[in-house]
Structure formats: C-alpha cells, structure tokens
Amino acid sequence: MTLVNLLVWSAHAALLIAAAEAVAALLKFHDARVLVVSRQLLLALALILPIVEPKVPPPAVGRIVTSVSTTTVALHTSRPRVFPDPATAVWIALALGTVVGLLRIGYGMVILRKLRGTADPAPDAHLELQTRLGIRAAIYASDAAAGPVTFGCVHPVILVPRACLGDEQIILHELLHVKRRDWAFALAERLVSALFWFHPAILWLLARIQLSREQAVDREVVALTGGRGQYLRTLVSVAAGADIAPAPMFLKKRHLRERVAHLLEDRPMSRLRLFSSATAVGAAALFTIFLAARAMPLQAAQSSSNDSSDRSVTIHKIDVSAVPEALRDRVLRELGLAESQTVPMSQVEAAAKRVSTLDSRLFSFVSENEHGSVDVIVSAPNASATRIKVGGNVQQSQLVYRQIPKYPIDAKVQGLQGAVHLRIVIGRDGTVLSAERIDGDTTLAAAAIDAVRHWIYKPTLLNGSPVEVESVVTVNFTLQA
C-alpha cells in the first residue's frame, strides 16, 4: 500500500465509523450484546476496506495518452544514501510506533505472569458457581493486584485482590468473561491498536467495543444475581483498579459513568427495534463506503513490464574502457556476463552492484536500449568529475516527480503523434537544468520540453558527492481512437 492509499483508507475508515456510530446514537441503539458484535463487524469492515474497495487506475487525460519512457539506468555507487527519503521515513515511523505497541503488550504479559507467580491459588473458591456456569478457571488471590483480571484462553486464570475473593458478583463477572472467551478478542484488539496506533477513529472504536463488552457482562451478572444495587456499589468500590494491558479489566475508571448509566437503563429494546436499528446502522455504513469510494477512490498499483526484474534481457555491450587496466580483468570476472548473452534482468543488476563494491572509485550502471537489450557500463571517473553521461534514459525509480506533457491542440487537429527524444542535464539537486530536442516533431518537442523541465530526480552520487547527469529521455505522444 502506498502512503496516498493509506491516507485515503484512513479517511474512509474514519467516515465509516463516524456514520455508523452517529446512526446508532440517533436511534438510541443501546443493547450491549448486539453492540459488541456490530462494532466488531464494523472494525473488521474498516480493516478490509483496502481489499474489498474497487481501485481506479491513474487518471487519463481525455482521449489522449501521453506516455513517457523512462526505462533504464540503474546507478550503483560504493556509498549508499545516509538518510531515507520522506516516504520511507514515514513508513519507518509507523513501524516504530507498531513496535512500541507490541512491546507494551509484551510488558503487560510479563506483569500478568509476575502477578500470578506471587498470588496464592484458591482451588476451592466458588466451585459451585463454576459448576453452575459449566466452566472452569484457576482463581488466584493477590495482594499486589489493584483490581480483578482475567487472562488466558486454554487455561484461563482469574486474578483478584484478596479482599475480593469472597465477592460472588466479582467472580461471576470474571467467569462470564471466561465463558465468552473475551481474552482472545481483547488480545486481538490490542494487536489491532498496536498496528493502527496512528488512527484515532480505530482506537476510539476499540474503546467502544471494550465498553460494550463490559456492559454486556454487567447486564448478565445483574440478571443472574438480581442484585443491581449491590453490583453498582461493587463497581464503585473497585474504581481505583489500574489497567493491565492486554487483560480485560473488571473496571476501567473512564468507563464507570457509562456502565452505571447502562445498568440503570430499564427499557430493553424489542427484537423488532433491535433488527431495524442494526439494519439501519449497516445500511449507513455501506452507503458511506459507497460515497467515500466514489469521492476518494483508492489508486491501483501501476504495473509495467519495464519494472520487472525477472524478465530476460540480451546484453548488447559491456564497457569497461574507463576502468584502470589493473582492475579490468577483475571487473570482468566479477561481472560474469558476456555480450550477446540472454539473462534475467535481476542477474545483470546484481552483477553491477557486486562490481561497484570492488573499489571505492568504481561505479556501474545498467542502460536499457529501446529494443530490450542492455549495456553494462563500469567506470572510474576522476574524483573532480562534475558531470557524467548516462546512455539511454534515466531510471524510472530515480524520478521523484514527473509532469505529464500537455498534448498541443495543433498537434491533435493535425493528427500528429510519435516519439520525441530529448537530451537533458540533471543538476546535482535532481532538477532538470536543460532539455533540448534530438529528434521528433518540433510542436510535440516543445510540449515535451516544457514538461520535462519540471521533472525532479533523486540526486546522483559519485563517490559520495552529487554530480550532474547528462542523459536522454523519450516522450511518446499517442492519439487514442
């Protein structure tokens, strides 16, 4: 996924969540059991939007296609770039945030393990309650735990403060979490929050899912015990409990007010109202996705046969004439290639990279010709060189910004089309210093030059210093029927 698509998806997900939650609030959709499931489905839908949403190709300009041939030249110098480009820096920052989130989850696991290790097992506690619910969990009494904690899927553990060991409502609450297998869902949600830590709407939805889960369990505890007043006092009494990620907590202080209000709500929703409300929320979500996808569509990845490193190419020429004689034989042996040989492009590029590491003075590049053959050129210019010539066109990956040439109106009327070859000089900062016509129609060439002058390339380094590059680009003007 590109950064642009990531931003578009982030906007789509935020709009989806906002629309669904707004409709739910408008309809006073408050059944916690259904809200847990609907919000989990909403989260899943938001996460799979990049897969299910249609993608559009880069927009075309009317019925005219202006294609720019920028194949070939893979420059390999002995000194790599020190700093990443901005896009790479953003991805690195996102990855670091995810790593921090995963470390927090790991730290929570360690804390839970330590708490269990210092707690006292209570194998005989609440056996009758466990039998009645048909579930089994290892119950521990801890002096260090600030509040009740339930964790584990295969061998669930309930960890409670020693003072709460005899409180049946607290134990029932945690046993219901075990019965619902909430630990697995909570852990998955923590992983999602670590991965999408940068998306406030996703994080907000995760918090609402957690609140709805606690509210659903609260309702079930009151239904089984019939003691709503006592349970409310229990909630308040343990309100000082601290959160231990990723364990589902009996109580989070920021959710206390909403949980109490939900328990005091005596008007259950009828099945018809539940169904109609859930249908309305789902329809609002789907309609929002439809509008967002039309207004801000995701972009399809560009595919080009020129970008494939696995295609076969024929070596037209191997030029080592600029290499000192003492190094030529070694360079040729390291290349392991021969003229007229047909090999995968990836093998040619790998050989050029190997050669550039033999000596700090060497640099190499692969220049692809129009008919699919390639030239492998190894050189060792003087340290004082300020400009190098590159045969063929500047490599596509070196191009940072490309302005598409405008098709001249006169050329359209006359039906002019074809290729224009330009000789360009790229400055040390990557901007195009000059562009002049080699061949091609003069009207089309003027439009091509006007666009190419705005192109920006990555600076080319020669032995660690930026140099000017003289090269050739081909701009193809094609009228579509």
Protein backbone atom coordinates (compact mmCIF):
# COMPACT_ATOMS: atom_id res chain seq x y z
CA MET A 1 0.00 0.00 0.00
CA THR A 2 1.26 3.46 -0.89
CA LEU A 3 1.18 6.39 1.51
CA VAL A 4 -1.52 8.03 -0.60
CA ASN A 5 -3.70 4.93 -0.36
CA LEU A 6 -3.01 4.74 3.37
CA LEU A 7 -4.30 8.30 3.80
CA VAL A 8 -7.34 7.58 1.61
CA TRP A 9 -8.11 4.39 3.56
CA SER A 10 -7.72 6.27 6.86
CA ALA A 11 -10.29 8.81 5.71
CA HIS A 12 -12.66 6.08 4.51
CA ALA A 13 -12.40 4.18 7.80
CA ALA A 14 -12.99 7.34 9.85
CA LEU A 15 -16.08 8.25 7.80
CA LEU A 16 -17.40 4.68 8.05
CA ILE A 17 -17.04 4.57 11.84
CA ALA A 18 -18.45 8.07 12.31
CA ALA A 19 -21.52 7.37 10.15
CA ALA A 20 -22.34 4.03 11.80
CA GLU A 21 -21.92 5.37 15.34
CA ALA A 22 -23.91 8.52 14.55
CA VAL A 23 -26.87 6.47 13.29
CA ALA A 24 -26.62 4.15 16.33
CA ALA A 25 -26.69 7.16 18.68
CA LEU A 26 -29.58 8.75 16.77
CA LEU A 27 -31.64 5.56 17.07
CA LYS A 28 -30.61 5.11 20.73
CA PHE A 29 -29.20 1.69 19.92
CA HIS A 30 -28.07 0.66 23.41
CA ASP A 31 -28.29 -3.15 23.62
CA ALA A 32 -24.73 -4.01 24.72
CA ARG A 33 -24.76 -7.62 23.50
CA VAL A 34 -25.67 -6.60 19.97
CA LEU A 35 -23.41 -3.53 20.07
CA VAL A 36 -20.36 -5.70 20.80
CA VAL A 37 -20.97 -7.81 17.71
CA SER A 38 -21.95 -4.89 15.46
CA ARG A 39 -18.90 -2.86 16.47
CA GLN A 40 -16.61 -5.83 15.93
CA LEU A 41 -18.11 -6.26 12.46
CA LEU A 42 -17.65 -2.53 11.87
CA LEU A 43 -13.99 -2.82 12.85
CA ALA A 44 -13.49 -5.81 10.56
CA LEU A 45 -15.13 -3.95 7.68
CA ALA A 46 -12.90 -0.91 8.23
CA LEU A 47 -9.79 -3.09 8.19
CA ILE A 48 -10.66 -4.93 4.97
CA LEU A 49 -11.65 -1.81 3.02
CA PRO A 50 -8.37 -1.83 1.02
CA ILE A 51 -9.23 -5.35 -0.14
CA VAL A 52 -12.92 -5.01 -0.95
CA GLU A 53 -12.99 -1.45 -2.31
CA PRO A 54 -12.60 -1.07 -6.09
CA LYS A 55 -9.42 0.64 -7.21
CA VAL A 56 -9.07 3.00 -10.11
CA PRO A 57 -6.07 3.33 -12.43
CA PRO A 58 -4.22 6.65 -12.61
CA PRO A 59 -6.49 9.12 -14.42
CA ALA A 60 -6.09 9.55 -18.17
CA VAL A 61 -6.21 12.96 -19.87
CA GLY A 62 -9.23 12.91 -22.18
CA ARG A 63 -8.76 10.57 -25.10
CA ILE A 64 -5.08 11.29 -25.43
CA VAL A 65 -2.41 9.15 -23.85
CA THR A 66 0.98 10.74 -23.26
CA SER A 67 3.43 8.03 -22.35
CA VAL A 68 6.88 8.79 -21.05
CA SER A 69 9.55 6.18 -21.50
CA THR A 70 11.87 6.29 -18.51
CA THR A 71 13.38 2.84 -18.53
CA THR A 72 16.85 2.03 -17.54
CA VAL A 73 19.78 3.28 -15.83
CA ALA A 74 20.46 1.64 -12.51
CA LEU A 75 23.29 3.60 -10.96
CA HIS A 76 25.32 1.75 -8.33
CA THR A 77 27.82 3.71 -6.27
CA SER A 78 30.02 2.49 -3.49
CA ARG A 79 28.48 4.86 -0.92
CA PRO A 80 24.79 4.40 -0.07
CA ARG A 81 22.45 7.20 0.97
CA VAL A 82 22.66 8.10 4.65
CA PHE A 83 19.12 9.40 5.14
CA PRO A 84 15.92 7.79 3.80
CA ASP A 85 13.55 9.66 1.51
CA PRO A 86 10.44 11.20 3.14
CA ALA A 87 8.12 8.34 2.20
CA THR A 88 10.48 5.77 3.66
CA ALA A 89 10.87 7.89 6.80
CA VAL A 90 7.08 7.90 7.29
CA TRP A 91 6.91 4.10 6.94
CA ILE A 92 9.77 3.75 9.42
CA ALA A 93 7.92 5.99 11.91
CA LEU A 94 4.75 3.92 11.51
CA ALA A 95 6.70 0.71 12.01
CA LEU A 96 8.40 2.07 15.13
CA GLY A 97 5.01 3.01 16.60
CA THR A 98 3.81 -0.54 15.99
CA VAL A 99 6.91 -1.94 17.65
CA VAL A 100 6.28 0.24 20.70
CA GLY A 101 2.69 -1.01 20.87
CA LEU A 102 3.79 -4.63 20.67
CA LEU A 103 6.37 -4.03 23.39
CA ARG A 104 3.62 -2.63 25.61
CA ILE A 105 1.57 -5.77 25.07
CA GLY A 106 4.62 -7.88 25.89
CA TYR A 107 5.24 -5.84 29.03
CA GLY A 108 1.62 -6.41 30.08
CA MET A 109 2.11 -10.15 29.62
CA VAL A 110 5.19 -10.06 31.83
CA ILE A 111 3.32 -8.16 34.55
CA LEU A 112 0.46 -10.66 34.47
CA ARG A 113 2.90 -13.54 34.76
CA LYS A 114 4.59 -11.91 37.76
CA LEU A 115 1.27 -11.22 39.45
CA ARG A 116 0.20 -14.83 39.03
CA GLY A 117 3.57 -16.02 40.33
CA THR A 118 3.22 -14.04 43.56
CA ALA A 119 -0.50 -14.80 44.08
CA ASP A 120 -1.96 -17.65 46.12
CA PRO A 121 -4.10 -20.24 44.30
CA ALA A 122 -7.64 -20.74 45.60
CA PRO A 123 -8.65 -24.09 44.09
CA ASP A 124 -11.76 -24.45 46.23
CA ALA A 125 -13.10 -20.96 45.66
CA HIS A 126 -16.55 -20.68 44.07
CA LEU A 127 -16.65 -24.27 42.80
CA GLU A 128 -20.45 -24.31 42.93
CA LEU A 129 -20.62 -21.15 40.80
CA GLN A 130 -18.22 -22.61 38.25
CA THR A 131 -20.27 -25.83 38.11
CA ARG A 132 -23.47 -23.88 37.59
CA LEU A 133 -21.95 -21.94 34.67
CA GLY A 134 -20.26 -25.05 33.25
CA ILE A 135 -16.80 -23.51 33.10
CA ARG A 136 -13.51 -23.92 34.95
CA ALA A 137 -10.87 -21.33 35.72
CA ALA A 138 -7.91 -21.14 38.07
CA ILE A 139 -8.67 -18.49 40.69
CA TYR A 140 -5.82 -16.69 42.45
CA ALA A 141 -5.85 -14.24 45.36
CA SER A 142 -3.25 -11.50 45.09
CA ASP A 143 -2.06 -8.78 47.42
CA ALA A 144 -0.46 -6.89 44.51
CA ALA A 145 -3.40 -6.81 42.06
CA ALA A 146 -5.26 -3.48 42.10
CA GLY A 147 -8.37 -4.99 40.51
CA PRO A 148 -9.80 -8.19 39.04
CA VAL A 149 -8.03 -9.53 35.94
CA THR A 150 -8.93 -12.43 33.63
CA PHE A 151 -6.50 -13.79 31.06
CA GLY A 152 -5.68 -16.97 29.18
CA CYS A 153 -7.60 -18.99 26.59
CA VAL A 154 -6.70 -22.65 27.05
CA HIS A 155 -6.08 -22.41 30.80
CA PRO A 156 -7.94 -19.28 31.94
CA VAL A 157 -6.80 -17.53 35.09
CA ILE A 158 -8.80 -15.18 37.29
CA LEU A 159 -6.67 -12.94 39.45
CA VAL A 160 -8.48 -10.92 42.13
CA PRO A 161 -7.40 -8.82 45.11
CA ARG A 162 -7.51 -10.89 48.26
CA ALA A 163 -10.29 -8.69 49.68
CA CYS A 164 -12.49 -9.52 46.65
CA LEU A 165 -12.03 -13.30 46.77
CA GLY A 166 -15.30 -13.80 48.60
CA ASP A 167 -17.38 -11.45 46.43
CA GLU A 168 -19.51 -13.70 44.25
CA GLN A 169 -20.55 -10.93 41.87
CA ILE A 170 -16.93 -10.05 41.02
CA ILE A 171 -16.04 -13.71 40.49
CA LEU A 172 -19.19 -14.19 38.39
CA HIS A 173 -18.23 -11.21 36.23
CA GLU A 174 -14.81 -12.69 35.53
CA LEU A 175 -16.19 -16.20 34.95
CA LEU A 176 -18.56 -14.77 32.35
CA HIS A 177 -15.55 -13.24 30.58
CA VAL A 178 -14.02 -16.72 30.53
CA LYS A 179 -17.26 -18.23 29.20
CA ARG A 180 -17.43 -15.62 26.42
CA ARG A 181 -13.71 -16.14 25.58
CA ASP A 182 -13.23 -12.40 25.84
CA TRP A 183 -9.48 -12.75 26.41
CA ALA A 184 -8.93 -13.83 22.79
CA PHE A 185 -10.94 -10.89 21.46
CA ALA A 186 -9.23 -8.44 23.80
CA LEU A 187 -5.79 -9.65 22.75
CA ALA A 188 -6.69 -9.37 19.05
CA GLU A 189 -7.97 -5.84 19.64
CA ARG A 190 -4.73 -4.89 21.38
CA LEU A 191 -2.80 -6.14 18.35
CA VAL A 192 -5.01 -4.05 16.08
CA SER A 193 -4.38 -0.98 18.25
CA ALA A 194 -0.63 -1.59 18.04
CA LEU A 195 -0.78 -1.85 14.25
CA PHE A 196 -3.08 1.14 13.73
CA TRP A 197 -1.86 3.30 16.60
CA PHE A 198 -1.89 6.35 14.31
CA HIS A 199 -5.63 6.14 13.52
CA PRO A 200 -7.78 7.88 16.17
CA ALA A 201 -11.09 6.53 14.81
CA ILE A 202 -9.87 2.93 15.01
CA LEU A 203 -8.60 3.47 18.57
CA TRP A 204 -11.90 5.10 19.57
CA LEU A 205 -13.89 2.19 18.11
CA LEU A 206 -11.72 -0.30 20.01
CA ALA A 207 -12.51 1.54 23.25
CA ARG A 208 -16.23 1.41 22.47
CA ILE A 209 -16.02 -2.32 21.79
CA GLN A 210 -14.38 -2.83 25.15
CA LEU A 211 -17.03 -0.71 26.89
CA SER A 212 -19.88 -2.62 25.21
CA ARG A 213 -18.32 -5.92 26.25
CA GLU A 214 -18.16 -4.83 29.88
CA GLN A 215 -21.73 -3.52 29.73
CA ALA A 216 -22.98 -6.83 28.31
CA VAL A 217 -21.29 -8.74 31.13
CA ASP A 218 -22.65 -6.27 33.69
CA ARG A 219 -26.19 -6.92 32.44
CA GLU A 220 -25.71 -10.67 32.63
CA VAL A 221 -24.34 -10.51 36.19
CA VAL A 222 -27.36 -8.49 37.34
CA ALA A 223 -29.73 -10.87 35.54
CA LEU A 224 -28.19 -13.91 37.24
CA THR A 225 -27.92 -12.43 40.75
CA GLY A 226 -30.80 -9.95 40.82
CA GLY A 227 -28.71 -7.59 42.93
CA ARG A 228 -28.29 -4.45 40.83
CA GLY A 229 -27.78 -2.09 43.77
CA GLN A 230 -25.11 -4.25 45.35
CA TYR A 231 -23.39 -4.68 42.00
CA LEU A 232 -23.32 -0.92 41.43
CA ARG A 233 -21.68 -0.47 44.85
CA THR A 234 -19.15 -3.14 43.88
CA LEU A 235 -18.30 -1.29 40.67
CA VAL A 236 -17.66 1.94 42.54
CA SER A 237 -15.69 0.23 45.30
CA VAL A 238 -13.08 -1.10 42.87
CA ALA A 239 -12.99 2.03 40.69
CA ALA A 240 -9.37 2.65 41.69
CA GLY A 241 -8.24 -0.51 39.86
CA ALA A 242 -5.44 0.06 37.36
CA ASP A 243 -5.47 -1.23 33.81
CA ILE A 244 -3.06 -4.01 32.89
CA ALA A 245 -2.85 -4.39 29.12
CA PRO A 246 -3.92 -6.56 27.45
CA ALA A 247 -6.08 -8.14 30.20
CA PRO A 248 -9.79 -7.27 30.17
CA MET A 249 -10.34 -5.41 33.41
CA PHE A 250 -13.35 -5.66 35.69
CA LEU A 251 -13.49 -1.89 35.68
CA LYS A 252 -11.83 0.97 33.84
CA LYS A 253 -12.39 4.26 35.56
CA ARG A 254 -13.07 6.17 32.34
CA HIS A 255 -15.96 3.76 31.59
CA LEU A 256 -17.53 3.81 35.07
CA ARG A 257 -20.12 6.52 34.40
CA GLU A 258 -21.38 4.89 31.18
CA ARG A 259 -21.52 1.43 32.76
CA VAL A 260 -23.54 2.70 35.69
CA ALA A 261 -25.91 4.59 33.36
CA HIS A 262 -26.37 1.47 31.26
CA LEU A 263 -27.27 -0.62 34.31
CA LEU A 264 -29.81 1.98 35.38
CA GLU A 265 -31.49 1.85 31.94
CA ASP A 266 -34.65 -0.23 32.46
CA ARG A 267 -36.05 -0.14 28.94
CA PRO A 268 -34.85 -3.13 26.93
CA MET A 269 -35.03 -2.98 23.15
CA SER A 270 -37.59 -5.20 21.41
CA ARG A 271 -36.44 -7.68 18.79
CA LEU A 272 -38.06 -5.65 16.04
CA ARG A 273 -36.31 -2.49 17.19
CA LEU A 274 -33.01 -4.35 17.51
CA PHE A 275 -33.32 -5.71 13.98
CA SER A 276 -34.39 -2.40 12.45
CA SER A 277 -31.67 -0.46 14.28
CA ALA A 278 -28.94 -2.91 13.29
CA THR A 279 -30.17 -2.82 9.68
CA ALA A 280 -30.11 0.98 9.66
CA VAL A 281 -26.57 1.08 11.05
CA GLY A 282 -25.42 -1.46 8.46
CA ALA A 283 -27.08 0.44 5.62
CA ALA A 284 -25.50 3.71 6.77
CA ALA A 285 -22.08 2.04 6.87
CA LEU A 286 -22.39 0.57 3.37
CA PHE A 287 -23.76 3.81 1.90
CA THR A 288 -20.88 5.76 3.46
CA ILE A 289 -18.35 3.36 1.93
CA PHE A 290 -20.04 3.73 -1.46
CA LEU A 291 -19.88 7.53 -1.34
CA ALA A 292 -16.33 7.62 0.01
CA ALA A 293 -15.07 5.18 -2.62
CA ARG A 294 -16.57 7.31 -5.38
CA ALA A 295 -15.31 10.61 -3.98
CA MET A 296 -11.84 9.42 -2.94
CA PRO A 297 -11.08 6.11 -4.68
CA LEU A 298 -8.05 4.03 -3.88
CA GLN A 299 -5.43 4.01 -6.62
CA ALA A 300 -4.48 0.76 -8.31
CA ALA A 301 -0.80 -0.09 -8.37
CA GLN A 302 0.85 0.69 -11.67
CA SER A 303 2.21 -2.34 -13.42
CA SER A 304 4.71 -2.23 -16.23
CA SER A 305 6.77 -4.85 -17.90
CA ASN A 306 9.69 -2.45 -17.68
CA ASP A 307 9.59 -2.69 -13.91
CA SER A 308 10.00 -6.45 -13.82
CA SER A 309 13.46 -7.53 -12.74
CA ASP A 310 12.73 -11.14 -13.71
CA ARG A 311 12.34 -10.54 -17.45
CA SER A 312 15.09 -11.74 -19.76
CA VAL A 313 17.34 -9.24 -21.49
CA THR A 314 20.16 -9.53 -24.02
CA ILE A 315 23.47 -7.91 -23.19
CA HIS A 316 24.38 -5.63 -26.08
CA LYS A 317 27.64 -4.22 -24.75
CA ILE A 318 29.92 -4.45 -21.71
CA ASP A 319 32.01 -1.28 -21.46
CA VAL A 320 34.93 -1.20 -19.02
CA SER A 321 37.10 1.17 -21.05
CA ALA A 322 37.03 3.80 -18.29
CA VAL A 323 38.27 1.33 -15.68
CA PRO A 324 42.02 1.32 -14.84
CA GLU A 325 43.79 -1.52 -16.65
CA ALA A 326 44.85 -3.13 -13.37
CA LEU A 327 41.17 -3.61 -12.45
CA ARG A 328 39.63 -4.54 -15.81
CA ASP A 329 40.17 -8.30 -15.67
CA ARG A 330 38.92 -8.43 -12.10
CA VAL A 331 35.84 -6.40 -13.00
CA LEU A 332 35.01 -8.67 -15.94
CA ARG A 333 35.40 -11.78 -13.80
CA GLU A 334 33.17 -10.32 -11.11
CA LEU A 335 30.51 -9.40 -13.66
CA GLY A 336 30.37 -12.95 -15.02
CA LEU A 337 28.49 -11.72 -18.10
CA ALA A 338 29.18 -11.80 -21.82
CA GLU A 339 27.98 -9.76 -24.77
CA SER A 340 25.02 -11.30 -26.70
CA GLN A 341 24.17 -13.36 -23.61
CA THR A 342 20.48 -13.53 -22.57
CA VAL A 343 19.98 -13.50 -18.80
CA PRO A 344 17.38 -12.28 -16.26
CA MET A 345 17.49 -8.53 -15.61
CA SER A 346 17.86 -9.23 -11.90
CA GLN A 347 21.13 -11.08 -12.61
CA VAL A 348 22.51 -8.11 -14.58
CA GLU A 349 21.60 -5.65 -11.82
CA ALA A 350 23.09 -7.90 -9.13
CA ALA A 351 26.34 -8.18 -11.10
CA ALA A 352 26.54 -4.39 -11.46
CA LYS A 353 26.06 -3.99 -7.72
CA ARG A 354 28.82 -6.50 -6.96
CA VAL A 355 31.29 -4.68 -9.18
CA SER A 356 30.62 -1.33 -7.50
CA THR A 357 31.86 -2.80 -4.20
CA LEU A 358 35.24 -3.92 -5.55
CA ASP A 359 36.82 -0.49 -5.36
CA SER A 360 35.66 2.84 -3.94
CA ARG A 361 36.49 4.53 -7.25
CA LEU A 362 34.15 2.36 -9.28
CA PHE A 363 30.54 2.94 -10.14
CA SER A 364 28.38 0.97 -12.52
CA PHE A 365 25.05 1.27 -14.23
CA VAL A 366 22.80 -0.75 -16.49
CA SER A 367 21.43 1.11 -19.51
CA GLU A 368 18.48 -0.44 -21.32
CA ASN A 369 18.05 0.28 -25.01
CA GLU A 370 14.74 0.72 -26.81
CA HIS A 371 14.70 -2.83 -28.18
CA GLY A 372 15.13 -4.51 -24.79
CA SER A 373 18.89 -5.07 -24.91
CA VAL A 374 21.11 -3.61 -22.20
CA ASP A 375 24.54 -2.09 -21.86
CA VAL A 376 26.59 -2.70 -18.72
CA ILE A 377 28.97 0.18 -18.12
CA VAL A 378 31.60 0.29 -15.40
CA SER A 379 33.59 3.46 -14.90
CA ALA A 380 36.01 5.11 -12.53
CA PRO A 381 35.94 8.82 -13.32
CA ASN A 382 38.21 11.35 -11.67
CA ALA A 383 37.22 12.49 -8.23
CA SER A 384 36.93 16.02 -9.65
CA ALA A 385 34.34 14.99 -12.25
CA THR A 386 31.22 17.17 -12.05
CA ARG A 387 29.10 15.57 -14.79
CA ILE A 388 28.66 12.03 -16.05
CA LYS A 389 26.96 10.78 -19.19
CA VAL A 390 24.42 8.02 -18.94
CA GLY A 391 23.38 6.14 -22.05
CA GLY A 392 19.68 5.51 -22.57
CA ASN A 393 17.03 7.08 -20.33
CA VAL A 394 17.16 7.92 -16.64
CA GLN A 395 15.97 5.01 -14.49
CA GLN A 396 12.29 5.17 -13.55
CA SER A 397 12.97 4.76 -9.84
CA GLN A 398 15.25 7.82 -9.88
CA LEU A 399 12.32 10.00 -10.94
CA VAL A 400 10.68 11.68 -7.95
CA TYR A 401 8.25 14.00 -9.73
CA ARG A 402 7.01 13.80 -13.32
CA GLN A 403 4.79 16.38 -15.00
CA ILE A 404 2.77 14.84 -17.83
CA PRO A 405 3.23 16.80 -21.10
CA LYS A 406 0.12 18.52 -22.46
CA TYR A 407 -0.88 17.40 -25.91
CA PRO A 408 -0.71 20.52 -28.15
CA ILE A 409 -4.07 21.47 -29.67
CA ASP A 410 -2.49 21.99 -33.11
CA ALA A 411 -0.96 18.51 -32.95
CA LYS A 412 -4.34 16.99 -32.13
CA VAL A 413 -6.00 18.75 -35.06
CA GLN A 414 -3.24 17.65 -37.46
CA GLY A 415 -3.18 14.12 -36.04
CA LEU A 416 0.49 14.39 -35.08
CA GLN A 417 1.88 11.67 -32.85
CA GLY A 418 5.11 9.80 -32.27
CA ALA A 419 8.26 9.78 -30.14
CA VAL A 420 10.33 12.79 -29.16
CA HIS A 421 13.90 12.26 -27.94
CA LEU A 422 15.37 14.90 -25.64
CA ARG A 423 18.86 15.36 -24.29
CA ILE A 424 18.65 16.53 -20.68
CA VAL A 425 21.07 17.62 -17.99
CA ILE A 426 20.07 16.81 -14.41
CA GLY A 427 21.57 19.07 -11.76
CA ARG A 428 23.20 18.00 -8.54
CA ASP A 429 19.96 18.69 -6.68
CA GLY A 430 17.95 16.49 -9.06
CA THR A 431 16.26 19.29 -11.02
CA VAL A 432 16.43 19.40 -14.81
CA LEU A 433 18.85 22.16 -15.82
CA SER A 434 18.31 21.93 -19.55
CA ALA A 435 16.40 19.94 -22.15
CA GLU A 436 16.91 20.08 -25.90
CA ARG A 437 15.38 18.24 -28.83
CA ILE A 438 17.32 15.49 -30.55
CA ASP A 439 14.61 14.40 -32.96
CA GLY A 440 10.84 14.26 -33.29
CA ASP A 441 8.17 16.74 -34.33
CA THR A 442 9.02 20.26 -33.21
CA THR A 443 5.48 21.01 -31.95
CA LEU A 444 5.43 17.88 -29.83
CA ALA A 445 9.04 18.51 -28.74
CA ALA A 446 8.13 21.96 -27.40
CA ALA A 447 5.39 20.44 -25.23
CA ALA A 448 7.72 17.69 -24.07
CA ILE A 449 10.48 20.14 -23.15
CA ASP A 450 8.06 22.35 -21.23
CA ALA A 451 7.01 19.36 -19.08
CA VAL A 452 10.44 17.71 -18.67
CA ARG A 453 11.94 20.95 -17.34
CA HIS A 454 9.71 20.47 -14.27
CA TRP A 455 10.80 16.90 -13.58
CA ILE A 456 12.72 16.15 -10.39
CA TYR A 457 15.10 13.24 -9.88
CA LYS A 458 16.92 11.82 -6.92
CA PRO A 459 20.42 13.33 -6.79
CA THR A 460 23.08 11.04 -8.27
CA LEU A 461 26.10 10.46 -6.03
CA LEU A 462 29.53 9.70 -7.38
CA ASN A 463 31.87 8.54 -4.64
CA GLY A 464 29.60 10.22 -2.12
CA SER A 465 29.36 13.58 -3.94
CA PRO A 466 26.43 14.74 -6.08
CA VAL A 467 27.16 15.16 -9.78
CA GLU A 468 25.32 16.36 -12.84
CA VAL A 469 23.95 13.69 -15.17
CA GLU A 470 23.57 14.02 -18.92
CA SER A 471 21.08 11.57 -20.38
CA VAL A 472 18.32 11.03 -22.92
CA VAL A 473 14.58 10.66 -22.33
CA THR A 474 11.89 9.56 -24.75
CA VAL A 475 8.41 11.06 -24.65
CA ASN A 476 5.77 9.20 -26.65
CA PHE A 477 2.70 11.10 -27.83
CA THR A 478 -0.16 8.80 -28.84
CA LEU A 479 -3.66 9.68 -30.02
CA GLN A 480 -6.28 7.15 -28.97
CA ALA A 481 -9.07 6.29 -31.36
